Amino acid sequence: MTFSITLEPVPLELHPDGVVRVGGTRVTLDTVVAAFNQGATAEEITSQYPSLQLADVYSAIAFYLRRQEEVEQYLQQRQHHAQEIRHQNEHRFDPEGVRDRLLARRR
């Protein structure tokens, strides 16, 4: 019997919008890392996100653990970008009085 060890590619894809997704799904690396950091196991993560394969979640977690500093920088950039977009949206669409404006439209 011969046993061969082959390298498996990391199941992460960097999309043109700058978001890293896991296992060819729409689930982001951010989501998997956040769940892992909150104490979820790989099995629990796949239970929460059925489109993920268990092996892909383990690979994503291993990638994170091996490159924690890089991934944390990526996560900080994503968070900063999300805050910028939130700020732009709040500037464009003032959240004050939304309920009153919606009720006025209804009348």
Protein backbone atom coordinates (compact mmCIF):
# COMPACT_ATOMS: atom_id res chain seq x y z
CA MET A 1 0.00 0.00 0.00
CA THR A 2 1.32 3.40 -0.89
CA PHE A 3 0.36 6.48 0.99
CA SER A 4 0.85 9.87 -0.57
CA ILE A 5 0.50 13.23 1.03
CA THR A 6 -0.76 15.97 -1.23
CA LEU A 7 -1.32 19.61 -0.52
CA GLU A 8 -4.91 20.71 -0.55
CA PRO A 9 -5.59 24.26 -1.71
CA VAL A 10 -6.98 26.60 0.92
CA PRO A 11 -10.70 26.96 0.14
CA LEU A 12 -10.64 30.76 0.24
CA GLU A 13 -11.40 33.09 -2.65
CA LEU A 14 -10.66 36.81 -2.79
CA HIS A 15 -13.48 38.39 -4.78
CA PRO A 16 -13.11 41.60 -6.80
CA ASP A 17 -14.99 43.52 -4.10
CA GLY A 18 -12.19 42.66 -1.64
CA VAL A 19 -14.21 40.11 0.32
CA VAL A 20 -12.74 36.69 1.12
CA ARG A 21 -15.31 33.90 0.87
CA VAL A 22 -15.01 30.31 2.09
CA GLY A 23 -15.43 27.12 0.05
CA GLY A 24 -17.05 28.63 -3.03
CA THR A 25 -19.97 29.90 -0.94
CA ARG A 26 -21.17 33.38 -0.04
CA VAL A 27 -20.04 32.87 3.57
CA THR A 28 -17.19 35.25 4.36
CA LEU A 29 -13.96 34.55 6.17
CA ASP A 30 -15.07 37.31 8.56
CA THR A 31 -18.10 35.23 9.54
CA VAL A 32 -16.13 32.03 10.13
CA VAL A 33 -13.41 33.78 12.15
CA ALA A 34 -15.97 35.69 14.25
CA ALA A 35 -17.85 32.48 15.06
CA PHE A 36 -14.59 30.68 15.88
CA ASN A 37 -13.43 33.53 18.13
CA GLN A 38 -16.78 33.40 19.94
CA GLY A 39 -16.09 29.78 20.79
CA ALA A 40 -17.95 27.93 18.05
CA THR A 41 -16.48 24.67 16.83
CA ALA A 42 -16.10 23.88 13.14
CA GLU A 43 -19.09 21.54 13.46
CA GLU A 44 -21.22 24.30 14.99
CA ILE A 45 -20.18 26.70 12.22
CA THR A 46 -21.22 24.23 9.51
CA SER A 47 -24.47 23.72 11.37
CA GLN A 48 -25.10 27.48 11.29
CA TYR A 49 -24.02 27.76 7.65
CA PRO A 50 -25.09 24.57 5.86
CA SER A 51 -23.56 25.68 2.55
CA LEU A 52 -20.10 25.21 4.10
CA GLN A 53 -18.23 21.91 4.06
CA LEU A 54 -16.69 20.84 7.38
CA ALA A 55 -13.23 20.38 5.82
CA ASP A 56 -13.40 23.91 4.36
CA VAL A 57 -14.22 25.37 7.77
CA TYR A 58 -11.30 23.53 9.35
CA SER A 59 -9.03 24.78 6.55
CA ALA A 60 -10.25 28.36 6.99
CA ILE A 61 -9.64 28.16 10.75
CA ALA A 62 -6.17 26.69 10.16
CA PHE A 63 -5.41 29.49 7.69
CA TYR A 64 -6.52 32.03 10.30
CA LEU A 65 -4.42 30.44 13.05
CA ARG A 66 -1.32 30.29 10.84
CA ARG A 67 -1.72 33.87 9.59
CA GLN A 68 -3.49 35.49 12.48
CA GLU A 69 -1.79 38.87 12.14
CA GLU A 70 -2.54 39.15 8.41
CA VAL A 71 -6.14 38.03 8.84
CA GLU A 72 -6.68 40.45 11.76
CA GLN A 73 -5.42 43.29 9.55
CA TYR A 74 -7.81 42.20 6.81
CA LEU A 75 -10.68 42.09 9.32
CA GLN A 76 -9.81 45.57 10.61
CA GLN A 77 -9.78 46.91 7.04
CA ARG A 78 -13.18 45.32 6.41
CA GLN A 79 -14.56 46.81 9.61
CA HIS A 80 -13.19 50.24 8.72
CA HIS A 81 -14.71 49.98 5.24
CA ALA A 82 -18.08 48.98 6.73
CA GLN A 83 -17.97 51.98 9.06
CA GLU A 84 -17.23 54.29 6.12
CA ILE A 85 -20.18 52.91 4.17
CA ARG A 86 -22.43 53.20 7.23
CA HIS A 87 -21.34 56.82 7.68
CA GLN A 88 -21.97 57.59 3.99
CA ASN A 89 -25.42 56.02 4.16
CA GLU A 90 -26.33 57.91 7.32
CA HIS A 91 -25.16 61.13 5.67
CA ARG A 92 -27.21 60.42 2.53
CA PHE A 93 -30.27 59.11 4.38
CA ASP A 94 -30.73 60.90 7.68
CA PRO A 95 -32.05 58.31 10.17
CA GLU A 96 -33.73 61.00 12.28
CA GLY A 97 -37.47 61.05 11.81
CA VAL A 98 -37.63 58.02 9.53
CA ARG A 99 -40.68 56.68 11.29
CA ASP A 100 -42.50 60.00 10.99
CA ARG A 101 -41.63 60.30 7.29
CA LEU A 102 -42.85 56.77 6.60
CA LEU A 103 -46.09 57.38 8.47
CA ALA A 104 -46.58 60.65 6.57
CA ARG A 105 -46.20 58.80 3.26
CA ARG A 106 -48.77 56.28 4.34
CA ARG A 107 -51.39 58.97 4.89
